[in-house]
């Protein structure tokens, strides 16, 4: 049971890292927003109490028109 939880937690963390890199590189806007929403899901990661406020902050920043326009267009 612990190994399943560990695999889920590692996968979740890798997805969050991938989304954070997408935000930093201004790659995919959709992926950045999706990752911000995933950060709001409690109990999926070991530091969810830190991920929730960061996810809220990211969604607020990503909604700004200047930030949205700075991402690459598909």
PDB file of N, CA and C in Angstrom:
ATOM      1  N   UNK A   1       0.818  -1.192   0.000  1.00  0.00           N
ATOM      2  CA  UNK A   1       0.000   0.000   0.000  1.00  0.00           C
ATOM      3  C   UNK A   1       0.866   1.262   0.000  1.00  0.00           C
ATOM      4  N   UNK A   2       1.936   1.242   0.784  1.00  0.00           N
ATOM      5  CA  UNK A   2       2.824   2.397   0.837  1.00  0.00           C
ATOM      6  C   UNK A   2       3.493   2.643  -0.510  1.00  0.00           C
ATOM      7  N   UNK A   3       3.852   1.573  -1.205  1.00  0.00           N
ATOM      8  CA  UNK A   3       4.524   1.740  -2.494  1.00  0.00           C
ATOM      9  C   UNK A   3       3.595   2.379  -3.527  1.00  0.00           C
ATOM     10  N   UNK A   4       2.309   2.078  -3.476  1.00  0.00           N
ATOM     11  CA  UNK A   4       1.353   2.693  -4.392  1.00  0.00           C
ATOM     12  C   UNK A   4       1.246   4.188  -4.090  1.00  0.00           C
ATOM     13  N   UNK A   5       1.136   4.532  -2.804  1.00  0.00           N
ATOM     14  CA  UNK A   5       1.082   5.939  -2.407  1.00  0.00           C
ATOM     15  C   UNK A   5       2.344   6.676  -2.835  1.00  0.00           C
ATOM     16  N   UNK A   6       3.484   6.029  -2.672  1.00  0.00           N
ATOM     17  CA  UNK A   6       4.756   6.647  -3.044  1.00  0.00           C
ATOM     18  C   UNK A   6       4.820   6.889  -4.550  1.00  0.00           C
ATOM     19  N   UNK A   7       4.395   5.937  -5.352  1.00  0.00           N
ATOM     20  CA  UNK A   7       4.398   6.112  -6.809  1.00  0.00           C
ATOM     21  C   UNK A   7       3.452   7.227  -7.244  1.00  0.00           C
ATOM     22  N   UNK A   8       2.294   7.306  -6.633  1.00  0.00           N
ATOM     23  CA  UNK A   8       1.341   8.366  -6.960  1.00  0.00           C
ATOM     24  C   UNK A   8       1.919   9.728  -6.575  1.00  0.00           C
ATOM     25  N   UNK A   9       2.526   9.789  -5.408  1.00  0.00           N
ATOM     26  CA  UNK A   9       3.111  11.036  -4.931  1.00  0.00           C
ATOM     27  C   UNK A   9       4.268  11.491  -5.823  1.00  0.00           C
ATOM     28  N   UNK A  10       5.104  10.579  -6.238  1.00  0.00           N
ATOM     29  CA  UNK A  10       6.219  10.916  -7.123  1.00  0.00           C
ATOM     30  C   UNK A  10       5.698  11.383  -8.483  1.00  0.00           C
ATOM     31  N   UNK A  11       4.708  10.683  -9.030  1.00  0.00           N
ATOM     32  CA  UNK A  11       4.122  11.085 -10.309  1.00  0.00           C
ATOM     33  C   UNK A  11       3.483  12.456 -10.236  1.00  0.00           C
ATOM     34  N   UNK A  12       2.761  12.704  -9.159  1.00  0.00           N
ATOM     35  CA  UNK A  12       2.122  14.007  -8.938  1.00  0.00           C
ATOM     36  C   UNK A  12       3.172  15.108  -8.857  1.00  0.00           C
ATOM     37  N   UNK A  13       4.242  14.851  -8.138  1.00  0.00           N
ATOM     38  CA  UNK A  13       5.313  15.840  -7.995  1.00  0.00           C
ATOM     39  C   UNK A  13       5.979  16.123  -9.338  1.00  0.00           C
ATOM     40  N   UNK A  14       6.188  15.094 -10.138  1.00  0.00           N
ATOM     41  CA  UNK A  14       6.791  15.295 -11.458  1.00  0.00           C
ATOM     42  C   UNK A  14       5.895  16.124 -12.369  1.00  0.00           C
ATOM     43  N   UNK A  15       4.598  15.920 -12.276  1.00  0.00           N
ATOM     44  CA  UNK A  15       3.662  16.721 -13.067  1.00  0.00           C
ATOM     45  C   UNK A  15       3.721  18.180 -12.634  1.00  0.00           C
ATOM     46  N   UNK A  16       3.774  18.425 -11.328  1.00  0.00           N
ATOM     47  CA  UNK A  16       3.862  19.798 -10.827  1.00  0.00           C
ATOM     48  C   UNK A  16       5.172  20.463 -11.259  1.00  0.00           C
ATOM     49  N   UNK A  17       6.249  19.721 -11.229  1.00  0.00           N
ATOM     50  CA  UNK A  17       7.537  20.270 -11.671  1.00  0.00           C
ATOM     51  C   UNK A  17       7.491  20.596 -13.157  1.00  0.00           C
ATOM     52  N   UNK A  18       6.899  19.713 -13.944  1.00  0.00           N
ATOM     53  CA  UNK A  18       6.772  19.951 -15.379  1.00  0.00           C
ATOM     54  C   UNK A  18       5.956  21.209 -15.658  1.00  0.00           C
ATOM     55  N   UNK A  19       4.864  21.386 -14.928  1.00  0.00           N
ATOM     56  CA  UNK A  19       4.047  22.582 -15.100  1.00  0.00           C
ATOM     57  C   UNK A  19       4.772  23.841 -14.667  1.00  0.00           C
ATOM     58  N   UNK A  20       5.542  23.749 -13.596  1.00  0.00           N
ATOM     59  CA  UNK A  20       6.312  24.906 -13.134  1.00  0.00           C
ATOM     60  C   UNK A  20       7.350  25.310 -14.171  1.00  0.00           C
ATOM     61  N   UNK A  21       7.985  24.336 -14.788  1.00  0.00           N
ATOM     62  CA  UNK A  21       8.947  24.646 -15.850  1.00  0.00           C
ATOM     63  C   UNK A  21       8.252  25.267 -17.064  1.00  0.00           C
ATOM     64  N   UNK A  22       7.032  24.793 -17.348  1.00  0.00           N
ATOM     65  CA  UNK A  22       6.269  25.371 -18.449  1.00  0.00           C
ATOM     66  C   UNK A  22       5.927  26.823 -18.164  1.00  0.00           C
ATOM     67  N   UNK A  23       5.617  27.119 -16.901  1.00  0.00           N
ATOM     68  CA  UNK A  23       5.338  28.511 -16.529  1.00  0.00           C
ATOM     69  C   UNK A  23       6.597  29.364 -16.644  1.00  0.00           C
ATOM     70  N   UNK A  24       7.709  28.852 -16.170  1.00  0.00           N
ATOM     71  CA  UNK A  24       8.957  29.618 -16.185  1.00  0.00           C
ATOM     72  C   UNK A  24       9.439  29.877 -17.610  1.00  0.00           C
ATOM     73  N   UNK A  25       9.246  28.919 -18.480  1.00  0.00           N
ATOM     74  CA  UNK A  25       9.693  29.059 -19.882  1.00  0.00           C
ATOM     75  C   UNK A  25       8.619  29.660 -20.771  1.00  0.00           C
ATOM     76  N   UNK A  26       7.474  29.911 -20.204  1.00  0.00           N
ATOM     77  CA  UNK A  26       6.308  30.418 -20.935  1.00  0.00           C
ATOM     78  C   UNK A  26       5.995  29.536 -22.143  1.00  0.00           C
ATOM     79  N   UNK A  27       5.917  28.231 -21.856  1.00  0.00           N
ATOM     80  CA  UNK A  27       5.639  27.256 -22.907  1.00  0.00           C
ATOM     81  C   UNK A  27       4.164  27.162 -23.233  1.00  0.00           C
ATOM     82  N   UNK A  28       3.464  26.286 -22.563  1.00  0.00           N
ATOM     83  CA  UNK A  28       2.050  26.051 -22.816  1.00  0.00           C
ATOM     84  C   UNK A  28       1.207  26.698 -21.718  1.00  0.00           C
ATOM     85  N   UNK A  29       0.354  27.616 -22.113  1.00  0.00           N
ATOM     86  CA  UNK A  29      -0.512  28.285 -21.151  1.00  0.00           C
ATOM     87  C   UNK A  29      -1.502  27.300 -20.541  1.00  0.00           C
ATOM     88  N   UNK A  30      -2.055  26.439 -21.361  1.00  0.00           N
ATOM     89  CA  UNK A  30      -3.034  25.462 -20.880  1.00  0.00           C
ATOM     90  C   UNK A  30      -2.399  24.529 -19.855  1.00  0.00           C
ATOM     91  N   UNK A  31      -1.195  24.072 -20.112  1.00  0.00           N
ATOM     92  CA  UNK A  31      -0.499  23.186 -19.169  1.00  0.00           C
ATOM     93  C   UNK A  31      -0.185  23.915 -17.869  1.00  0.00           C
ATOM     94  N   UNK A  32       0.171  25.178 -17.957  1.00  0.00           N
ATOM     95  CA  UNK A  32       0.466  25.963 -16.759  1.00  0.00           C
ATOM     96  C   UNK A  32      -0.778  26.115 -15.890  1.00  0.00           C
ATOM     97  N   UNK A  33      -1.917  26.393 -16.510  1.00  0.00           N
ATOM     98  CA  UNK A  33      -3.158  26.541 -15.758  1.00  0.00           C
ATOM     99  C   UNK A  33      -3.595  25.193 -15.172  1.00  0.00           C
ATOM    100  N   UNK A  34      -3.492  24.132 -15.954  1.00  0.00           N
ATOM    101  CA  UNK A  34      -3.865  22.807 -15.463  1.00  0.00           C
ATOM    102  C   UNK A  34      -3.010  22.398 -14.266  1.00  0.00           C
ATOM    103  N   UNK A  35      -1.746  22.695 -14.328  1.00  0.00           N
ATOM    104  CA  UNK A  35      -0.854  22.364 -13.222  1.00  0.00           C
ATOM    105  C   UNK A  35      -1.178  23.192 -11.984  1.00  0.00           C
ATOM    106  N   UNK A  36      -1.557  24.437 -12.187  1.00  0.00           N
ATOM    107  CA  UNK A  36      -1.950  25.269 -11.052  1.00  0.00           C
ATOM    108  C   UNK A  36      -3.187  24.707 -10.368  1.00  0.00           C
ATOM    109  N   UNK A  37      -4.127  24.208 -11.155  1.00  0.00           N
ATOM    110  CA  UNK A  37      -5.317  23.570 -10.579  1.00  0.00           C
ATOM    111  C   UNK A  37      -4.949  22.289  -9.853  1.00  0.00           C
ATOM    112  N   UNK A  38      -4.031  21.527 -10.410  1.00  0.00           N
ATOM    113  CA  UNK A  38      -3.600  20.292  -9.738  1.00  0.00           C
ATOM    114  C   UNK A  38      -2.935  20.584  -8.396  1.00  0.00           C
ATOM    115  N   UNK A  39      -2.273  21.715  -8.290  1.00  0.00           N
ATOM    116  CA  UNK A  39      -1.635  22.078  -7.020  1.00  0.00           C
ATOM    117  C   UNK A  39      -2.671  22.323  -5.933  1.00  0.00           C
ATOM    118  N   UNK A  40      -3.904  22.597  -6.325  1.00  0.00           N
ATOM    119  CA  UNK A  40      -4.966  22.849  -5.357  1.00  0.00           C
ATOM    120  C   UNK A  40      -5.583  21.576  -4.799  1.00  0.00           C
ATOM    121  N   UNK A  41      -5.269  20.429  -5.382  1.00  0.00           N
ATOM    122  CA  UNK A  41      -5.824  19.160  -4.909  1.00  0.00           C
ATOM    123  C   UNK A  41      -5.087  18.747  -3.639  1.00  0.00           C
ATOM    124  N   UNK A  42      -5.783  18.714  -2.519  1.00  0.00           N
ATOM    125  CA  UNK A  42      -5.094  18.402  -1.257  1.00  0.00           C
ATOM    126  C   UNK A  42      -4.760  16.914  -1.132  1.00  0.00           C
ATOM    127  N   UNK A  43      -3.772  16.648  -0.340  1.00  0.00           N
ATOM    128  CA  UNK A  43      -3.363  15.298   0.053  1.00  0.00           C
ATOM    129  C   UNK A  43      -2.731  14.469  -1.059  1.00  0.00           C
ATOM    130  N   UNK A  44      -2.391  15.056  -2.171  1.00  0.00           N
ATOM    131  CA  UNK A  44      -1.709  14.288  -3.213  1.00  0.00           C
ATOM    132  C   UNK A  44      -0.197  14.386  -3.114  1.00  0.00           C
ATOM    133  N   UNK A  45       0.279  15.342  -2.383  1.00  0.00           N
ATOM    134  CA  UNK A  45       1.713  15.502  -2.252  1.00  0.00           C
ATOM    135  C   UNK A  45       2.106  15.691  -0.799  1.00  0.00           C
ATOM    136  N   UNK A  46       3.378  15.557  -0.515  1.00  0.00           N
ATOM    137  CA  UNK A  46       3.810  15.666   0.875  1.00  0.00           C
ATOM    138  C   UNK A  46       3.738  17.093   1.425  1.00  0.00           C
ATOM    139  N   UNK A  47       3.753  18.088   0.567  1.00  0.00           N
ATOM    140  CA  UNK A  47       3.736  19.486   1.023  1.00  0.00           C
ATOM    141  C   UNK A  47       2.504  20.209   0.499  1.00  0.00           C
ATOM    142  N   UNK A  48       1.354  19.581   0.589  1.00  0.00           N
ATOM    143  CA  UNK A  48       0.145  20.174   0.037  1.00  0.00           C
ATOM    144  C   UNK A  48      -0.210  21.498   0.714  1.00  0.00           C
ATOM    145  N   UNK A  49       0.169  21.669   1.973  1.00  0.00           N
ATOM    146  CA  UNK A  49      -0.145  22.920   2.665  1.00  0.00           C
ATOM    147  C   UNK A  49       0.628  24.089   2.068  1.00  0.00           C
ATOM    148  N   UNK A  50       1.720  23.825   1.374  1.00  0.00           N
ATOM    149  CA  UNK A  50       2.436  24.879   0.649  1.00  0.00           C
ATOM    150  C   UNK A  50       1.933  24.998  -0.789  1.00  0.00           C
ATOM    151  N   UNK A  51       1.503  23.892  -1.371  1.00  0.00           N
ATOM    152  CA  UNK A  51       1.085  23.887  -2.774  1.00  0.00           C
ATOM    153  C   UNK A  51      -0.228  24.636  -2.969  1.00  0.00           C
ATOM    154  N   UNK A  52      -1.123  24.596  -1.999  1.00  0.00           N
ATOM    155  CA  UNK A  52      -2.423  25.244  -2.171  1.00  0.00           C
ATOM    156  C   UNK A  52      -2.284  26.763  -2.321  1.00  0.00           C
ATOM    157  N   UNK A  53      -1.587  27.472  -1.426  1.00  0.00           N
ATOM    158  CA  UNK A  53      -1.457  28.918  -1.649  1.00  0.00           C
ATOM    159  C   UNK A  53      -0.663  29.267  -2.910  1.00  0.00           C
ATOM    160  N   UNK A  54       0.324  28.463  -3.248  1.00  0.00           N
ATOM    161  CA  UNK A  54       1.097  28.714  -4.466  1.00  0.00           C
ATOM    162  C   UNK A  54       0.229  28.494  -5.696  1.00  0.00           C
ATOM    163  N   UNK A  55      -0.626  27.474  -5.676  1.00  0.00           N
ATOM    164  CA  UNK A  55      -1.543  27.234  -6.788  1.00  0.00           C
ATOM    165  C   UNK A  55      -2.528  28.372  -6.973  1.00  0.00           C
ATOM    166  N   UNK A  56      -3.055  28.897  -5.865  1.00  0.00           N
ATOM    167  CA  UNK A  56      -3.979  30.038  -5.938  1.00  0.00           C
ATOM    168  C   UNK A  56      -3.260  31.251  -6.513  1.00  0.00           C
ATOM    169  N   UNK A  57      -2.063  31.511  -6.016  1.00  0.00           N
ATOM    170  CA  UNK A  57      -1.277  32.647  -6.512  1.00  0.00           C
ATOM    171  C   UNK A  57      -0.991  32.496  -8.010  1.00  0.00           C
ATOM    172  N   UNK A  58      -0.626  31.289  -8.430  1.00  0.00           N
ATOM    173  CA  UNK A  58      -0.327  31.059  -9.849  1.00  0.00           C
ATOM    174  C   UNK A  58      -1.557  31.302 -10.713  1.00  0.00           C
ATOM    175  N   UNK A  59      -2.727  30.849 -10.269  1.00  0.00           N
ATOM    176  CA  UNK A  59      -3.939  31.081 -11.050  1.00  0.00           C
ATOM    177  C   UNK A  59      -4.270  32.566 -11.154  1.00  0.00           C
ATOM    178  N   UNK A  60      -4.057  33.307 -10.078  1.00  0.00           N
ATOM    179  CA  UNK A  60      -4.309  34.747 -10.112  1.00  0.00           C
ATOM    180  C   UNK A  60      -3.372  35.430 -11.107  1.00  0.00           C
ATOM    181  N   UNK A  61      -2.103  35.065 -11.062  1.00  0.00           N
ATOM    182  CA  UNK A  61      -1.119  35.678 -11.966  1.00  0.00           C
ATOM    183  C   UNK A  61      -1.380  35.262 -13.410  1.00  0.00           C
ATOM    184  N   UNK A  62      -1.716  33.999 -13.631  1.00  0.00           N
ATOM    185  CA  UNK A  62      -1.935  33.511 -14.995  1.00  0.00           C
ATOM    186  C   UNK A  62      -3.167  34.122 -15.650  1.00  0.00           C
ATOM    187  N   UNK A  63      -4.092  34.647 -14.872  1.00  0.00           N
ATOM    188  CA  UNK A  63      -5.290  35.269 -15.443  1.00  0.00           C
ATOM    189  C   UNK A  63      -5.041  36.671 -15.982  1.00  0.00           C
ATOM    190  N   UNK A  64      -3.927  37.274 -15.641  1.00  0.00           N
ATOM    191  CA  UNK A  64      -3.631  38.622 -16.123  1.00  0.00           C
ATOM    192  C   UNK A  64      -3.388  38.600 -17.626  1.00  0.00           C
ATOM    193  N   UNK A  65      -3.987  39.541 -18.358  1.00  0.00           N
ATOM    194  CA  UNK A  65      -3.838  39.535 -19.821  1.00  0.00           C
ATOM    195  C   UNK A  65      -2.387  39.632 -20.292  1.00  0.00           C
ATOM    196  N   UNK A  66      -1.576  40.416 -19.621  1.00  0.00           N
ATOM    197  CA  UNK A  66      -0.178  40.552 -20.044  1.00  0.00           C
ATOM    198  C   UNK A  66       0.571  39.236 -19.881  1.00  0.00           C
ATOM    199  N   UNK A  67       0.274  38.513 -18.832  1.00  0.00           N
ATOM    200  CA  UNK A  67       0.927  37.217 -18.607  1.00  0.00           C
ATOM    201  C   UNK A  67       0.428  36.210 -19.630  1.00  0.00           C
ATOM    202  N   UNK A  68      -0.878  36.192 -19.868  1.00  0.00           N
ATOM    203  CA  UNK A  68      -1.454  35.249 -20.842  1.00  0.00           C
ATOM    204  C   UNK A  68      -0.876  35.479 -22.228  1.00  0.00           C
ATOM    205  N   UNK A  69      -0.697  36.743 -22.601  1.00  0.00           N
ATOM    206  CA  UNK A  69      -0.158  37.061 -23.930  1.00  0.00           C
ATOM    207  C   UNK A  69       1.324  36.727 -24.063  1.00  0.00           C
ATOM    208  N   UNK A  70       2.025  36.601 -22.932  1.00  0.00           N
ATOM    209  CA  UNK A  70       3.456  36.333 -23.009  1.00  0.00           C
ATOM    210  C   UNK A  70       3.772  34.868 -23.299  1.00  0.00           C
ATOM    211  N   UNK A  71       2.780  33.989 -23.200  1.00  0.00           N
ATOM    212  CA  UNK A  71       3.002  32.576 -23.499  1.00  0.00           C
ATOM    213  C   UNK A  71       3.011  32.357 -25.003  1.00  0.00           C
ATOM    214  N   UNK A  72       3.671  31.296 -25.430  1.00  0.00           N
ATOM    215  CA  UNK A  72       3.749  30.952 -26.849  1.00  0.00           C
ATOM    216  C   UNK A  72       2.361  30.574 -27.353  1.00  0.00           C
ATOM    217  N   UNK A  73       2.065  31.010 -28.533  1.00  0.00           N
ATOM    218  CA  UNK A  73       0.784  30.665 -29.159  1.00  0.00           C
ATOM    219  C   UNK A  73       0.911  29.307 -29.837  1.00  0.00           C
ATOM    220  N   UNK A  74      -0.143  28.467 -29.736  1.00  0.00           N
ATOM    221  CA  UNK A  74      -0.057  27.124 -30.366  1.00  0.00           C
ATOM    222  C   UNK A  74      -0.101  27.174 -31.868  1.00  0.00           C
TER     223      UNK A  74
END
